């Protein structure tokens, strides 16, 4: 069973992959529900790609807010994580601002 410390490590790699726009690494990070929401989010004009830094805030109950900062300002997304066969996956994602 995965634990909260594992979740924060996975979320950190997830945020790095978002900044790098590493689609190949991101795809397996989502549940089927989460991937649909991620695709809708990616279609919006602002993205995390190229951000200079990010911060992860644990909201409890496997809900994490990730704030990305760069030359164009900052933006925050929420990610709701679930454990699937011992791995953490994003089941919900969206913009907070």
PDB file of N, CA and C in Angstrom:
ATOM      1  N   UNK A   1       0.844  -1.189   0.000  1.00  0.00           N
ATOM      2  CA  UNK A   1       0.000   0.000   0.000  1.00  0.00           C
ATOM      3  C   UNK A   1       0.886   1.249   0.000  1.00  0.00           C
ATOM      4  N   UNK A   2       0.580   2.187  -0.872  1.00  0.00           N
ATOM      5  CA  UNK A   2       1.322   3.439  -0.956  1.00  0.00           C
ATOM      6  C   UNK A   2       0.947   4.326   0.228  1.00  0.00           C
ATOM      7  N   UNK A   3       1.890   5.196   0.654  1.00  0.00           N
ATOM      8  CA  UNK A   3       1.591   6.082   1.773  1.00  0.00           C
ATOM      9  C   UNK A   3       1.717   7.544   1.352  1.00  0.00           C
ATOM     10  N   UNK A   4       1.466   8.453   2.312  1.00  0.00           N
ATOM     11  CA  UNK A   4       1.448   9.885   2.019  1.00  0.00           C
ATOM     12  C   UNK A   4       2.822  10.389   1.562  1.00  0.00           C
ATOM     13  N   UNK A   5       3.900   9.857   2.139  1.00  0.00           N
ATOM     14  CA  UNK A   5       5.240  10.276   1.712  1.00  0.00           C
ATOM     15  C   UNK A   5       5.476   9.878   0.263  1.00  0.00           C
ATOM     16  N   UNK A   6       5.037   8.671  -0.099  1.00  0.00           N
ATOM     17  CA  UNK A   6       5.138   8.235  -1.496  1.00  0.00           C
ATOM     18  C   UNK A   6       4.344   9.174  -2.398  1.00  0.00           C
ATOM     19  N   UNK A   7       3.170   9.579  -1.948  1.00  0.00           N
ATOM     20  CA  UNK A   7       2.317  10.468  -2.740  1.00  0.00           C
ATOM     21  C   UNK A   7       3.042  11.773  -3.040  1.00  0.00           C
ATOM     22  N   UNK A   8       3.691  12.362  -2.058  1.00  0.00           N
ATOM     23  CA  UNK A   8       4.384  13.628  -2.284  1.00  0.00           C
ATOM     24  C   UNK A   8       5.560  13.452  -3.252  1.00  0.00           C
ATOM     25  N   UNK A   9       6.242  12.321  -3.194  1.00  0.00           N
ATOM     26  CA  UNK A   9       7.324  12.047  -4.153  1.00  0.00           C
ATOM     27  C   UNK A   9       6.768  11.897  -5.561  1.00  0.00           C
ATOM     28  N   UNK A  10       5.675  11.184  -5.691  1.00  0.00           N
ATOM     29  CA  UNK A  10       5.041  10.983  -6.995  1.00  0.00           C
ATOM     30  C   UNK A  10       4.532  12.321  -7.528  1.00  0.00           C
ATOM     31  N   UNK A  11       3.928  13.127  -6.658  1.00  0.00           N
ATOM     32  CA  UNK A  11       3.404  14.432  -7.078  1.00  0.00           C
ATOM     33  C   UNK A  11       4.532  15.363  -7.514  1.00  0.00           C
ATOM     34  N   UNK A  12       5.678  15.272  -6.856  1.00  0.00           N
ATOM     35  CA  UNK A  12       6.821  16.092  -7.243  1.00  0.00           C
ATOM     36  C   UNK A  12       7.283  15.726  -8.651  1.00  0.00           C
ATOM     37  N   UNK A  13       7.384  14.434  -8.936  1.00  0.00           N
ATOM     38  CA  UNK A  13       7.774  14.004 -10.289  1.00  0.00           C
ATOM     39  C   UNK A  13       6.705  14.424 -11.303  1.00  0.00           C
ATOM     40  N   UNK A  14       5.439  14.323 -10.925  1.00  0.00           N
ATOM     41  CA  UNK A  14       4.320  14.726 -11.768  1.00  0.00           C
ATOM     42  C   UNK A  14       4.456  16.212 -12.140  1.00  0.00           C
ATOM     43  N   UNK A  15       4.752  17.057 -11.145  1.00  0.00           N
ATOM     44  CA  UNK A  15       4.900  18.494 -11.389  1.00  0.00           C
ATOM     45  C   UNK A  15       6.085  18.754 -12.314  1.00  0.00           C
ATOM     46  N   UNK A  16       7.190  18.050 -12.099  1.00  0.00           N
ATOM     47  CA  UNK A  16       8.360  18.199 -12.984  1.00  0.00           C
ATOM     48  C   UNK A  16       8.001  17.820 -14.417  1.00  0.00           C
ATOM     49  N   UNK A  17       7.243  16.747 -14.573  1.00  0.00           N
ATOM     50  CA  UNK A  17       6.846  16.312 -15.913  1.00  0.00           C
ATOM     51  C   UNK A  17       5.882  17.298 -16.561  1.00  0.00           C
ATOM     52  N   UNK A  18       5.036  17.944 -15.759  1.00  0.00           N
ATOM     53  CA  UNK A  18       4.156  18.981 -16.312  1.00  0.00           C
ATOM     54  C   UNK A  18       4.978  20.161 -16.828  1.00  0.00           C
ATOM     55  N   UNK A  19       5.955  20.602 -16.050  1.00  0.00           N
ATOM     56  CA  UNK A  19       6.804  21.723 -16.460  1.00  0.00           C
ATOM     57  C   UNK A  19       7.552  21.373 -17.743  1.00  0.00           C
ATOM     58  N   UNK A  20       8.035  20.133 -17.840  1.00  0.00           N
ATOM     59  CA  UNK A  20       8.787  19.688 -19.015  1.00  0.00           C
ATOM     60  C   UNK A  20       7.881  19.280 -20.174  1.00  0.00           C
ATOM     61  N   UNK A  21       6.567  19.253 -19.939  1.00  0.00           N
ATOM     62  CA  UNK A  21       5.590  18.794 -20.926  1.00  0.00           C
ATOM     63  C   UNK A  21       5.950  17.391 -21.414  1.00  0.00           C
ATOM     64  N   UNK A  22       6.305  16.526 -20.465  1.00  0.00           N
ATOM     65  CA  UNK A  22       6.720  15.153 -20.745  1.00  0.00           C
ATOM     66  C   UNK A  22       5.472  14.263 -20.810  1.00  0.00           C
ATOM     67  N   UNK A  23       4.806  14.294 -21.940  1.00  0.00           N
ATOM     68  CA  UNK A  23       3.540  13.583 -22.122  1.00  0.00           C
ATOM     69  C   UNK A  23       3.695  12.075 -21.895  1.00  0.00           C
ATOM     70  N   UNK A  24       4.797  11.500 -22.372  1.00  0.00           N
ATOM     71  CA  UNK A  24       4.998  10.053 -22.219  1.00  0.00           C
ATOM     72  C   UNK A  24       5.033   9.644 -20.744  1.00  0.00           C
ATOM     73  N   UNK A  25       5.639  10.458 -19.906  1.00  0.00           N
ATOM     74  CA  UNK A  25       5.693  10.144 -18.469  1.00  0.00           C
ATOM     75  C   UNK A  25       4.367  10.457 -17.784  1.00  0.00           C
ATOM     76  N   UNK A  26       3.633  11.430 -18.289  1.00  0.00           N
ATOM     77  CA  UNK A  26       2.379  11.848 -17.645  1.00  0.00           C
ATOM     78  C   UNK A  26       1.218  10.886 -17.905  1.00  0.00           C
ATOM     79  N   UNK A  27       1.141  10.317 -19.086  1.00  0.00           N
ATOM     80  CA  UNK A  27      -0.016   9.495 -19.458  1.00  0.00           C
ATOM     81  C   UNK A  27      -0.335   8.393 -18.447  1.00  0.00           C
ATOM     82  N   UNK A  28       0.644   7.612 -17.980  1.00  0.00           N
ATOM     83  CA  UNK A  28       0.302   6.544 -17.035  1.00  0.00           C
ATOM     84  C   UNK A  28      -0.020   7.041 -15.626  1.00  0.00           C
ATOM     85  N   UNK A  29       0.107   8.344 -15.396  1.00  0.00           N
ATOM     86  CA  UNK A  29      -0.152   8.904 -14.062  1.00  0.00           C
ATOM     87  C   UNK A  29      -1.639   9.133 -13.796  1.00  0.00           C
ATOM     88  N   UNK A  30      -2.485   8.920 -14.801  1.00  0.00           N
ATOM     89  CA  UNK A  30      -3.905   9.242 -14.683  1.00  0.00           C
ATOM     90  C   UNK A  30      -4.790   8.009 -14.696  1.00  0.00           C
ATOM     91  N   UNK A  31      -5.909   8.109 -13.987  1.00  0.00           N
ATOM     92  CA  UNK A  31      -6.992   7.138 -14.140  1.00  0.00           C
ATOM     93  C   UNK A  31      -7.732   7.524 -15.422  1.00  0.00           C
ATOM     94  N   UNK A  32      -8.632   6.668 -15.918  1.00  0.00           N
ATOM     95  CA  UNK A  32      -9.409   7.045 -17.104  1.00  0.00           C
ATOM     96  C   UNK A  32     -10.203   8.350 -16.908  1.00  0.00           C
ATOM     97  N   UNK A  33     -10.748   8.557 -15.735  1.00  0.00           N
ATOM     98  CA  UNK A  33     -11.481   9.804 -15.456  1.00  0.00           C
ATOM     99  C   UNK A  33     -10.516  10.984 -15.474  1.00  0.00           C
ATOM    100  N   UNK A  34      -9.380  10.818 -14.814  1.00  0.00           N
ATOM    101  CA  UNK A  34      -8.399  11.893 -14.725  1.00  0.00           C
ATOM    102  C   UNK A  34      -7.820  12.298 -16.060  1.00  0.00           C
ATOM    103  N   UNK A  35      -7.602  11.343 -16.960  1.00  0.00           N
ATOM    104  CA  UNK A  35      -7.004  11.677 -18.252  1.00  0.00           C
ATOM    105  C   UNK A  35      -7.944  12.558 -19.078  1.00  0.00           C
ATOM    106  N   UNK A  36      -9.227  12.325 -18.976  1.00  0.00           N
ATOM    107  CA  UNK A  36     -10.186  13.181 -19.683  1.00  0.00           C
ATOM    108  C   UNK A  36     -10.140  14.613 -19.172  1.00  0.00           C
ATOM    109  N   UNK A  37     -10.061  14.761 -17.868  1.00  0.00           N
ATOM    110  CA  UNK A  37      -9.978  16.105 -17.280  1.00  0.00           C
ATOM    111  C   UNK A  37      -8.650  16.764 -17.641  1.00  0.00           C
ATOM    112  N   UNK A  38      -7.577  15.981 -17.676  1.00  0.00           N
ATOM    113  CA  UNK A  38      -6.264  16.525 -18.031  1.00  0.00           C
ATOM    114  C   UNK A  38      -6.252  17.029 -19.465  1.00  0.00           C
ATOM    115  N   UNK A  39      -6.895  16.292 -20.360  1.00  0.00           N
ATOM    116  CA  UNK A  39      -6.950  16.714 -21.758  1.00  0.00           C
ATOM    117  C   UNK A  39      -7.737  18.011 -21.903  1.00  0.00           C
ATOM    118  N   UNK A  40      -8.810  18.149 -21.160  1.00  0.00           N
ATOM    119  CA  UNK A  40      -9.587  19.391 -21.187  1.00  0.00           C
ATOM    120  C   UNK A  40      -8.759  20.546 -20.628  1.00  0.00           C
ATOM    121  N   UNK A  41      -8.008  20.280 -19.578  1.00  0.00           N
ATOM    122  CA  UNK A  41      -7.165  21.311 -18.971  1.00  0.00           C
ATOM    123  C   UNK A  41      -6.045  21.721 -19.926  1.00  0.00           C
ATOM    124  N   UNK A  42      -5.460  20.769 -20.620  1.00  0.00           N
ATOM    125  CA  UNK A  42      -4.371  21.062 -21.548  1.00  0.00           C
ATOM    126  C   UNK A  42      -4.843  21.930 -22.712  1.00  0.00           C
ATOM    127  N   UNK A  43      -6.111  21.846 -23.054  1.00  0.00           N
ATOM    128  CA  UNK A  43      -6.656  22.633 -24.158  1.00  0.00           C
ATOM    129  C   UNK A  43      -6.788  24.116 -23.803  1.00  0.00           C
ATOM    130  N   UNK A  44      -6.692  24.454 -22.531  1.00  0.00           N
ATOM    131  CA  UNK A  44      -6.789  25.847 -22.112  1.00  0.00           C
ATOM    132  C   UNK A  44      -5.476  26.558 -22.415  1.00  0.00           C
ATOM    133  N   UNK A  45      -5.520  27.899 -22.547  1.00  0.00           N
ATOM    134  CA  UNK A  45      -4.339  28.633 -23.005  1.00  0.00           C
ATOM    135  C   UNK A  45      -3.148  28.617 -22.049  1.00  0.00           C
ATOM    136  N   UNK A  46      -3.358  28.656 -20.749  1.00  0.00           N
ATOM    137  CA  UNK A  46      -2.236  28.675 -19.794  1.00  0.00           C
ATOM    138  C   UNK A  46      -1.844  27.255 -19.441  1.00  0.00           C
ATOM    139  N   UNK A  47      -0.559  27.031 -19.277  1.00  0.00           N
ATOM    140  CA  UNK A  47      -0.090  25.712 -18.869  1.00  0.00           C
ATOM    141  C   UNK A  47       1.104  25.865 -17.947  1.00  0.00           C
ATOM    142  N   UNK A  48       1.508  24.763 -17.352  1.00  0.00           N
ATOM    143  CA  UNK A  48       2.665  24.757 -16.453  1.00  0.00           C
ATOM    144  C   UNK A  48       3.972  24.701 -17.226  1.00  0.00           C
ATOM    145  N   UNK A  49       3.901  24.377 -18.500  1.00  0.00           N
ATOM    146  CA  UNK A  49       5.112  24.177 -19.298  1.00  0.00           C
ATOM    147  C   UNK A  49       6.026  25.401 -19.223  1.00  0.00           C
ATOM    148  N   UNK A  50       7.285  25.152 -18.921  1.00  0.00           N
ATOM    149  CA  UNK A  50       8.270  26.221 -18.875  1.00  0.00           C
ATOM    150  C   UNK A  50       8.273  27.033 -17.596  1.00  0.00           C
ATOM    151  N   UNK A  51       7.494  26.659 -16.603  1.00  0.00           N
ATOM    152  CA  UNK A  51       7.501  27.384 -15.336  1.00  0.00           C
ATOM    153  C   UNK A  51       8.886  27.313 -14.713  1.00  0.00           C
ATOM    154  N   UNK A  52       9.223  28.334 -13.943  1.00  0.00           N
ATOM    155  CA  UNK A  52      10.519  28.377 -13.272  1.00  0.00           C
ATOM    156  C   UNK A  52      10.528  27.568 -11.985  1.00  0.00           C
ATOM    157  N   UNK A  53       9.394  27.502 -11.321  1.00  0.00           N
ATOM    158  CA  UNK A  53       9.313  26.782 -10.053  1.00  0.00           C
ATOM    159  C   UNK A  53       7.871  26.369  -9.786  1.00  0.00           C
ATOM    160  N   UNK A  54       7.718  25.486  -8.823  1.00  0.00           N
ATOM    161  CA  UNK A  54       6.390  25.046  -8.419  1.00  0.00           C
ATOM    162  C   UNK A  54       6.400  24.734  -6.926  1.00  0.00           C
ATOM    163  N   UNK A  55       5.232  24.732  -6.352  1.00  0.00           N
ATOM    164  CA  UNK A  55       5.072  24.425  -4.933  1.00  0.00           C
ATOM    165  C   UNK A  55       3.866  23.505  -4.784  1.00  0.00           C
ATOM    166  N   UNK A  56       4.024  22.464  -3.973  1.00  0.00           N
ATOM    167  CA  UNK A  56       2.949  21.504  -3.737  1.00  0.00           C
ATOM    168  C   UNK A  56       2.417  21.703  -2.327  1.00  0.00           C
ATOM    169  N   UNK A  57       1.115  21.887  -2.202  1.00  0.00           N
ATOM    170  CA  UNK A  57       0.478  22.064  -0.896  1.00  0.00           C
ATOM    171  C   UNK A  57      -0.493  20.916  -0.664  1.00  0.00           C
ATOM    172  N   UNK A  58      -0.253  20.151   0.382  1.00  0.00           N
ATOM    173  CA  UNK A  58      -1.097  19.014   0.751  1.00  0.00           C
ATOM    174  C   UNK A  58      -2.344  19.532   1.461  1.00  0.00           C
ATOM    175  N   UNK A  59      -3.502  19.280   0.871  1.00  0.00           N
ATOM    176  CA  UNK A  59      -4.771  19.741   1.433  1.00  0.00           C
ATOM    177  C   UNK A  59      -5.437  18.665   2.293  1.00  0.00           C
ATOM    178  N   UNK A  60      -4.803  17.510   2.393  1.00  0.00           N
ATOM    179  CA  UNK A  60      -5.374  16.389   3.136  1.00  0.00           C
ATOM    180  C   UNK A  60      -6.256  15.546   2.240  1.00  0.00           C
ATOM    181  N   UNK A  61      -6.515  14.343   2.657  1.00  0.00           N
ATOM    182  CA  UNK A  61      -7.395  13.420   1.946  1.00  0.00           C
ATOM    183  C   UNK A  61      -6.965  13.199   0.491  1.00  0.00           C
ATOM    184  N   UNK A  62      -5.626  13.185   0.268  1.00  0.00           N
ATOM    185  CA  UNK A  62      -5.025  12.919  -1.044  1.00  0.00           C
ATOM    186  C   UNK A  62      -5.336  14.002  -2.083  1.00  0.00           C
ATOM    187  N   UNK A  63      -5.638  15.195  -1.608  1.00  0.00           N
ATOM    188  CA  UNK A  63      -5.870  16.347  -2.481  1.00  0.00           C
ATOM    189  C   UNK A  63      -4.646  17.253  -2.391  1.00  0.00           C
ATOM    190  N   UNK A  64      -4.008  17.506  -3.530  1.00  0.00           N
ATOM    191  CA  UNK A  64      -2.829  18.362  -3.569  1.00  0.00           C
ATOM    192  C   UNK A  64      -3.074  19.542  -4.498  1.00  0.00           C
ATOM    193  N   UNK A  65      -2.655  20.718  -4.061  1.00  0.00           N
ATOM    194  CA  UNK A  65      -2.667  21.905  -4.907  1.00  0.00           C
ATOM    195  C   UNK A  65      -1.236  22.134  -5.368  1.00  0.00           C
ATOM    196  N   UNK A  66      -1.059  22.352  -6.660  1.00  0.00           N
ATOM    197  CA  UNK A  66       0.272  22.602  -7.213  1.00  0.00           C
ATOM    198  C   UNK A  66       0.245  23.983  -7.866  1.00  0.00           C
ATOM    199  N   UNK A  67       1.095  24.878  -7.349  1.00  0.00           N
ATOM    200  CA  UNK A  67       1.194  26.232  -7.883  1.00  0.00           C
ATOM    201  C   UNK A  67       2.458  26.331  -8.724  1.00  0.00           C
ATOM    202  N   UNK A  68       2.294  26.763  -9.967  1.00  0.00           N
ATOM    203  CA  UNK A  68       3.405  26.935 -10.898  1.00  0.00           C
ATOM    204  C   UNK A  68       3.671  28.424 -11.059  1.00  0.00           C
ATOM    205  N   UNK A  69       4.955  28.800 -11.042  1.00  0.00           N
ATOM    206  CA  UNK A  69       5.340  30.200 -11.197  1.00  0.00           C
ATOM    207  C   UNK A  69       6.345  30.330 -12.341  1.00  0.00           C
ATOM    208  N   UNK A  70       6.177  31.396 -13.115  1.00  0.00           N
ATOM    209  CA  UNK A  70       7.087  31.658 -14.227  1.00  0.00           C
ATOM    210  C   UNK A  70       7.021  33.111 -14.629  1.00  0.00           C
ATOM    211  N   UNK A  71       7.617  33.431 -15.749  1.00  0.00           N
ATOM    212  CA  UNK A  71       7.638  34.810 -16.238  1.00  0.00           C
ATOM    213  C   UNK A  71       6.243  35.354 -16.501  1.00  0.00           C
ATOM    214  N   UNK A  72       5.304  34.468 -16.821  1.00  0.00           N
ATOM    215  CA  UNK A  72       3.942  34.901 -17.140  1.00  0.00           C
ATOM    216  C   UNK A  72       3.036  34.955 -15.914  1.00  0.00           C
ATOM    217  N   UNK A  73       3.599  34.820 -14.717  1.00  0.00           N
ATOM    218  CA  UNK A  73       2.794  34.853 -13.500  1.00  0.00           C
ATOM    219  C   UNK A  73       2.724  33.486 -12.864  1.00  0.00           C
ATOM    220  N   UNK A  74       1.598  33.231 -12.190  1.00  0.00           N
ATOM    221  CA  UNK A  74       1.453  31.941 -11.532  1.00  0.00           C
ATOM    222  C   UNK A  74       0.042  31.419 -11.694  1.00  0.00           C
ATOM    223  N   UNK A  75      -0.080  30.122 -11.539  1.00  0.00           N
ATOM    224  CA  UNK A  75      -1.374  29.465 -11.620  1.00  0.00           C
ATOM    225  C   UNK A  75      -1.359  28.227 -10.750  1.00  0.00           C
ATOM    226  N   UNK A  76      -2.528  27.859 -10.249  1.00  0.00           N
ATOM    227  CA  UNK A  76      -2.629  26.711  -9.352  1.00  0.00           C
ATOM    228  C   UNK A  76      -3.646  25.720  -9.892  1.00  0.00           C
ATOM    229  N   UNK A  77      -3.276  24.439  -9.811  1.00  0.00           N
ATOM    230  CA  UNK A  77      -4.194  23.364 -10.159  1.00  0.00           C
ATOM    231  C   UNK A  77      -4.436  22.512  -8.917  1.00  0.00           C
ATOM    232  N   UNK A  78      -5.557  21.823  -8.900  1.00  0.00           N
ATOM    233  CA  UNK A  78      -5.790  20.826  -7.864  1.00  0.00           C
ATOM    234  C   UNK A  78      -5.628  19.454  -8.503  1.00  0.00           C
ATOM    235  N   UNK A  79      -5.153  18.509  -7.714  1.00  0.00           N
ATOM    236  CA  UNK A  79      -5.052  17.125  -8.155  1.00  0.00           C
ATOM    237  C   UNK A  79      -5.573  16.233  -7.039  1.00  0.00           C
ATOM    238  N   UNK A  80      -6.516  15.397  -7.363  1.00  0.00           N
ATOM    239  CA  UNK A  80      -7.046  14.416  -6.412  1.00  0.00           C
ATOM    240  C   UNK A  80      -6.459  13.069  -6.791  1.00  0.00           C
ATOM    241  N   UNK A  81      -5.784  12.437  -5.838  1.00  0.00           N
ATOM    242  CA  UNK A  81      -5.058  11.204  -6.096  1.00  0.00           C
ATOM    243  C   UNK A  81      -5.769  10.010  -5.485  1.00  0.00           C
ATOM    244  N   UNK A  82      -5.689   8.877  -6.177  1.00  0.00           N
ATOM    245  CA  UNK A  82      -6.220   7.615  -5.668  1.00  0.00           C
ATOM    246  C   UNK A  82      -5.142   6.548  -5.863  1.00  0.00           C
ATOM    247  N   UNK A  83      -5.217   5.526  -5.033  1.00  0.00           N
ATOM    248  CA  UNK A  83      -4.278   4.420  -5.165  1.00  0.00           C
ATOM    249  C   UNK A  83      -4.903   3.346  -6.043  1.00  0.00           C
ATOM    250  N   UNK A  84      -4.178   2.949  -7.076  1.00  0.00           N
ATOM    251  CA  UNK A  84      -4.633   1.908  -7.995  1.00  0.00           C
ATOM    252  C   UNK A  84      -3.534   0.846  -8.066  1.00  0.00           C
ATOM    253  N   UNK A  85      -3.823  -0.316  -7.547  1.00  0.00           N
ATOM    254  CA  UNK A  85      -2.872  -1.432  -7.546  1.00  0.00           C
ATOM    255  C   UNK A  85      -1.504  -1.023  -7.007  1.00  0.00           C
ATOM    256  N   UNK A  86      -1.511  -0.277  -5.907  1.00  0.00           N
ATOM    257  CA  UNK A  86      -0.278   0.118  -5.240  1.00  0.00           C
ATOM    258  C   UNK A  86       0.422   1.340  -5.817  1.00  0.00           C
ATOM    259  N   UNK A  87      -0.165   1.975  -6.829  1.00  0.00           N
ATOM    260  CA  UNK A  87       0.419   3.167  -7.447  1.00  0.00           C
ATOM    261  C   UNK A  87      -0.516   4.356  -7.286  1.00  0.00           C
ATOM    262  N   UNK A  88       0.060   5.542  -7.048  1.00  0.00           N
ATOM    263  CA  UNK A  88      -0.741   6.759  -6.972  1.00  0.00           C
ATOM    264  C   UNK A  88      -1.048   7.256  -8.375  1.00  0.00           C
ATOM    265  N   UNK A  89      -2.329   7.592  -8.611  1.00  0.00           N
ATOM    266  CA  UNK A  89      -2.761   8.108  -9.913  1.00  0.00           C
ATOM    267  C   UNK A  89      -3.685   9.306  -9.699  1.00  0.00           C
ATOM    268  N   UNK A  90      -3.658  10.229 -10.648  1.00  0.00           N
ATOM    269  CA  UNK A  90      -4.523  11.417 -10.603  1.00  0.00           C
ATOM    270  C   UNK A  90      -5.900  11.014 -11.109  1.00  0.00           C
ATOM    271  N   UNK A  91      -6.907  11.184 -10.249  1.00  0.00           N
ATOM    272  CA  UNK A  91      -8.280  10.851 -10.600  1.00  0.00           C
ATOM    273  C   UNK A  91      -9.107  12.095 -10.930  1.00  0.00           C
ATOM    274  N   UNK A  92      -8.615  13.260 -10.515  1.00  0.00           N
ATOM    275  CA  UNK A  92      -9.283  14.524 -10.828  1.00  0.00           C
ATOM    276  C   UNK A  92      -8.226  15.611 -10.886  1.00  0.00           C
ATOM    277  N   UNK A  93      -8.390  16.512 -11.842  1.00  0.00           N
ATOM    278  CA  UNK A  93      -7.448  17.626 -12.015  1.00  0.00           C
ATOM    279  C   UNK A  93      -8.201  18.809 -12.589  1.00  0.00           C
ATOM    280  N   UNK A  94      -7.834  20.001 -12.147  1.00  0.00           N
ATOM    281  CA  UNK A  94      -8.480  21.206 -12.674  1.00  0.00           C
ATOM    282  C   UNK A  94      -7.763  22.448 -12.182  1.00  0.00           C
ATOM    283  N   UNK A  95      -8.141  23.552 -12.731  1.00  0.00           N
ATOM    284  CA  UNK A  95      -7.548  24.855 -12.401  1.00  0.00           C
ATOM    285  C   UNK A  95      -8.275  25.473 -11.213  1.00  0.00           C
ATOM    286  N   UNK A  96      -7.513  26.100 -10.320  1.00  0.00           N
ATOM    287  CA  UNK A  96      -8.107  26.741  -9.148  1.00  0.00           C
ATOM    288  C   UNK A  96      -8.331  28.232  -9.333  1.00  0.00           C
ATOM    289  N   UNK A  97      -7.553  28.891 -10.189  1.00  0.00           N
ATOM    290  CA  UNK A  97      -7.646  30.340 -10.245  1.00  0.00           C
ATOM    291  C   UNK A  97      -8.757  30.837 -11.071  1.00  0.00           C
TER     292      UNK A  97
END
